[in-house]
């Protein structure tokens, strides 16, 4: 990520968590962004926000309202 000029301030992971519930780390993401710890969220797939479409849209809207960019990389 440093080659893109990005610096990692933290990592939120859903590794090993069920896709049927909101991952605990996802719950912390908006708080970290509000606290100014991030201005860009990088994900490998937009579904990492949530498999629930309504929740995914809500989280992405919250991030955008805070001025936090979203970058999907594969």
N, C-alpha and C. Protein backbone atom coordinates (compact mmCIF):
# COMPACT_ATOMS: atom_id res chain seq x y z
N UNK A 1 0.82 -1.19 0.00
CA UNK A 1 0.00 0.00 0.00
C UNK A 1 0.86 1.25 0.00
N UNK A 2 2.05 1.16 0.59
CA UNK A 2 2.91 2.33 0.62
C UNK A 2 3.31 2.78 -0.77
N UNK A 3 3.34 1.83 -1.73
CA UNK A 3 3.69 2.20 -3.10
C UNK A 3 2.63 3.10 -3.73
N UNK A 4 1.42 3.07 -3.19
CA UNK A 4 0.34 3.93 -3.66
C UNK A 4 0.33 5.27 -2.91
N UNK A 5 1.21 5.42 -1.93
CA UNK A 5 1.22 6.61 -1.11
C UNK A 5 0.26 6.51 0.06
N UNK A 6 -0.23 5.30 0.34
CA UNK A 6 -1.15 5.06 1.44
C UNK A 6 -0.37 4.54 2.64
N UNK A 7 -0.81 4.88 3.83
CA UNK A 7 -0.19 4.39 5.05
C UNK A 7 -1.26 3.73 5.90
N UNK A 8 -1.01 2.52 6.30
CA UNK A 8 -1.98 1.75 7.07
C UNK A 8 -2.00 2.23 8.51
N UNK A 9 -3.16 2.67 8.98
CA UNK A 9 -3.33 3.11 10.36
C UNK A 9 -3.94 2.01 11.22
N UNK A 10 -4.44 0.98 10.59
CA UNK A 10 -5.07 -0.11 11.33
C UNK A 10 -5.71 -1.08 10.36
N UNK A 11 -6.07 -2.21 10.89
CA UNK A 11 -6.68 -3.23 10.04
C UNK A 11 -7.91 -3.78 10.73
N UNK A 12 -8.97 -3.90 9.97
CA UNK A 12 -10.20 -4.50 10.46
C UNK A 12 -10.41 -5.77 9.67
N UNK A 13 -10.66 -6.85 10.35
CA UNK A 13 -10.74 -8.14 9.69
C UNK A 13 -12.01 -8.87 10.07
N UNK A 14 -12.56 -9.57 9.08
CA UNK A 14 -13.72 -10.42 9.35
C UNK A 14 -13.32 -11.89 9.22
N UNK A 15 -12.03 -12.14 9.19
CA UNK A 15 -11.51 -13.48 9.00
C UNK A 15 -12.08 -14.46 10.03
N UNK A 16 -12.63 -15.55 9.53
CA UNK A 16 -13.15 -16.58 10.42
C UNK A 16 -14.50 -16.28 11.03
N UNK A 17 -15.12 -15.18 10.62
CA UNK A 17 -16.43 -14.82 11.19
C UNK A 17 -17.54 -15.26 10.24
N UNK A 18 -18.69 -15.51 10.77
CA UNK A 18 -19.84 -15.91 9.97
C UNK A 18 -20.29 -14.75 9.10
N UNK A 19 -20.73 -15.08 7.88
CA UNK A 19 -21.26 -14.06 6.99
C UNK A 19 -22.68 -13.68 7.33
N UNK A 20 -23.27 -14.34 8.32
CA UNK A 20 -24.67 -14.08 8.65
C UNK A 20 -24.84 -12.96 9.67
N UNK A 21 -23.75 -12.59 10.34
CA UNK A 21 -23.82 -11.52 11.33
C UNK A 21 -22.81 -10.44 10.97
N UNK A 22 -23.02 -9.27 11.49
CA UNK A 22 -22.08 -8.18 11.25
C UNK A 22 -20.78 -8.47 11.98
N UNK A 23 -19.65 -8.51 11.27
CA UNK A 23 -18.38 -8.78 11.94
C UNK A 23 -18.08 -7.72 13.00
N UNK A 24 -17.56 -8.13 14.15
CA UNK A 24 -17.28 -7.16 15.23
C UNK A 24 -16.37 -6.03 14.79
N UNK A 25 -15.36 -6.32 13.96
CA UNK A 25 -14.46 -5.25 13.51
C UNK A 25 -15.19 -4.22 12.66
N UNK A 26 -16.18 -4.66 11.89
CA UNK A 26 -16.94 -3.72 11.07
C UNK A 26 -17.66 -2.70 11.95
N UNK A 27 -18.08 -3.12 13.10
CA UNK A 27 -18.76 -2.21 14.02
C UNK A 27 -17.83 -1.09 14.48
N UNK A 28 -16.53 -1.35 14.52
CA UNK A 28 -15.56 -0.37 14.99
C UNK A 28 -15.09 0.58 13.90
N UNK A 29 -15.26 0.19 12.65
CA UNK A 29 -14.76 1.00 11.54
C UNK A 29 -15.30 2.43 11.52
N UNK A 30 -16.61 2.66 11.61
CA UNK A 30 -17.10 4.05 11.60
C UNK A 30 -16.56 4.89 12.76
N UNK A 31 -16.37 4.28 13.93
CA UNK A 31 -15.83 5.01 15.07
C UNK A 31 -14.40 5.46 14.80
N UNK A 32 -13.60 4.57 14.21
CA UNK A 32 -12.21 4.92 13.90
C UNK A 32 -12.16 6.05 12.87
N UNK A 33 -13.05 6.01 11.89
CA UNK A 33 -13.07 7.06 10.88
C UNK A 33 -13.53 8.39 11.48
N UNK A 34 -14.55 8.36 12.33
CA UNK A 34 -15.02 9.59 12.98
C UNK A 34 -13.93 10.21 13.85
N UNK A 35 -13.10 9.35 14.43
CA UNK A 35 -12.02 9.84 15.29
C UNK A 35 -10.85 10.39 14.48
N UNK A 36 -10.97 10.30 13.15
CA UNK A 36 -9.93 10.85 12.30
C UNK A 36 -8.77 9.91 12.04
N UNK A 37 -8.94 8.64 12.33
CA UNK A 37 -7.86 7.67 12.14
C UNK A 37 -7.73 7.21 10.69
N UNK A 38 -8.70 7.54 9.84
CA UNK A 38 -8.64 7.11 8.45
C UNK A 38 -9.40 8.07 7.56
N UNK A 39 -8.88 8.26 6.36
CA UNK A 39 -9.61 9.02 5.36
C UNK A 39 -9.82 8.19 4.10
N UNK A 40 -9.36 6.93 4.16
CA UNK A 40 -9.53 6.00 3.06
C UNK A 40 -9.65 4.59 3.63
N UNK A 41 -10.64 3.85 3.15
CA UNK A 41 -10.80 2.45 3.54
C UNK A 41 -10.53 1.62 2.30
N UNK A 42 -9.61 0.68 2.43
CA UNK A 42 -9.24 -0.20 1.32
C UNK A 42 -9.77 -1.59 1.62
N UNK A 43 -10.54 -2.15 0.69
CA UNK A 43 -11.10 -3.49 0.85
C UNK A 43 -10.79 -4.32 -0.38
N UNK A 44 -10.75 -5.65 -0.20
CA UNK A 44 -10.50 -6.54 -1.32
C UNK A 44 -11.77 -6.81 -2.12
N UNK A 45 -12.90 -6.59 -1.50
CA UNK A 45 -14.20 -6.80 -2.16
C UNK A 45 -15.23 -6.00 -1.38
N UNK A 46 -16.13 -5.34 -2.07
CA UNK A 46 -17.13 -4.51 -1.40
C UNK A 46 -18.00 -5.34 -0.46
N UNK A 47 -18.12 -6.64 -0.71
CA UNK A 47 -18.92 -7.50 0.17
C UNK A 47 -18.28 -7.66 1.54
N UNK A 48 -17.03 -7.23 1.70
CA UNK A 48 -16.36 -7.32 3.00
C UNK A 48 -17.01 -6.40 4.01
N UNK A 49 -17.70 -5.36 3.54
CA UNK A 49 -18.43 -4.50 4.46
C UNK A 49 -19.56 -5.26 5.13
N UNK A 50 -20.24 -6.07 4.35
CA UNK A 50 -21.33 -6.91 4.86
C UNK A 50 -21.91 -7.69 3.69
N UNK A 51 -22.40 -8.87 3.98
CA UNK A 51 -23.11 -9.62 2.94
C UNK A 51 -24.55 -9.15 2.83
N UNK A 52 -25.01 -8.47 3.86
CA UNK A 52 -26.35 -7.90 3.88
C UNK A 52 -26.31 -6.60 3.08
N UNK A 53 -27.01 -6.55 1.95
CA UNK A 53 -26.93 -5.40 1.05
C UNK A 53 -27.34 -4.10 1.73
N UNK A 54 -28.40 -4.12 2.50
CA UNK A 54 -28.86 -2.90 3.17
C UNK A 54 -27.81 -2.38 4.15
N UNK A 55 -27.20 -3.28 4.91
CA UNK A 55 -26.16 -2.87 5.85
C UNK A 55 -24.93 -2.36 5.11
N UNK A 56 -24.58 -3.02 4.02
CA UNK A 56 -23.43 -2.59 3.22
C UNK A 56 -23.64 -1.17 2.72
N UNK A 57 -24.82 -0.89 2.19
CA UNK A 57 -25.13 0.45 1.68
C UNK A 57 -25.07 1.46 2.81
N UNK A 58 -25.59 1.09 3.98
CA UNK A 58 -25.57 1.99 5.13
C UNK A 58 -24.15 2.33 5.57
N UNK A 59 -23.30 1.33 5.65
CA UNK A 59 -21.91 1.56 6.07
C UNK A 59 -21.18 2.44 5.06
N UNK A 60 -21.35 2.14 3.78
CA UNK A 60 -20.70 2.93 2.74
C UNK A 60 -21.20 4.38 2.77
N UNK A 61 -22.50 4.57 2.96
CA UNK A 61 -23.06 5.93 3.05
C UNK A 61 -22.49 6.67 4.25
N UNK A 62 -22.37 6.00 5.39
CA UNK A 62 -21.79 6.63 6.59
C UNK A 62 -20.36 7.08 6.31
N UNK A 63 -19.57 6.23 5.68
CA UNK A 63 -18.18 6.58 5.37
C UNK A 63 -18.12 7.76 4.43
N UNK A 64 -18.95 7.76 3.41
CA UNK A 64 -18.96 8.87 2.45
C UNK A 64 -19.38 10.17 3.12
N UNK A 65 -20.36 10.12 4.02
CA UNK A 65 -20.79 11.32 4.75
C UNK A 65 -19.66 11.90 5.59
N UNK A 66 -18.76 11.04 6.05
CA UNK A 66 -17.61 11.48 6.85
C UNK A 66 -16.46 11.94 5.97
N UNK A 67 -16.62 11.83 4.65
CA UNK A 67 -15.55 12.20 3.74
C UNK A 67 -14.48 11.13 3.61
N UNK A 68 -14.80 9.91 3.97
CA UNK A 68 -13.85 8.81 3.89
C UNK A 68 -14.01 8.13 2.53
N UNK A 69 -12.92 8.01 1.80
CA UNK A 69 -12.94 7.35 0.51
C UNK A 69 -12.93 5.84 0.67
N UNK A 70 -13.36 5.17 -0.37
CA UNK A 70 -13.39 3.71 -0.38
C UNK A 70 -12.67 3.25 -1.64
N UNK A 71 -11.70 2.36 -1.48
CA UNK A 71 -10.96 1.82 -2.60
C UNK A 71 -11.07 0.31 -2.56
N UNK A 72 -11.57 -0.28 -3.65
CA UNK A 72 -11.68 -1.73 -3.75
C UNK A 72 -10.53 -2.23 -4.61
N UNK A 73 -9.72 -3.12 -4.04
CA UNK A 73 -8.60 -3.70 -4.78
C UNK A 73 -8.78 -5.21 -4.85
N UNK A 74 -8.25 -5.80 -5.86
CA UNK A 74 -8.37 -7.25 -6.02
C UNK A 74 -7.01 -7.89 -5.98
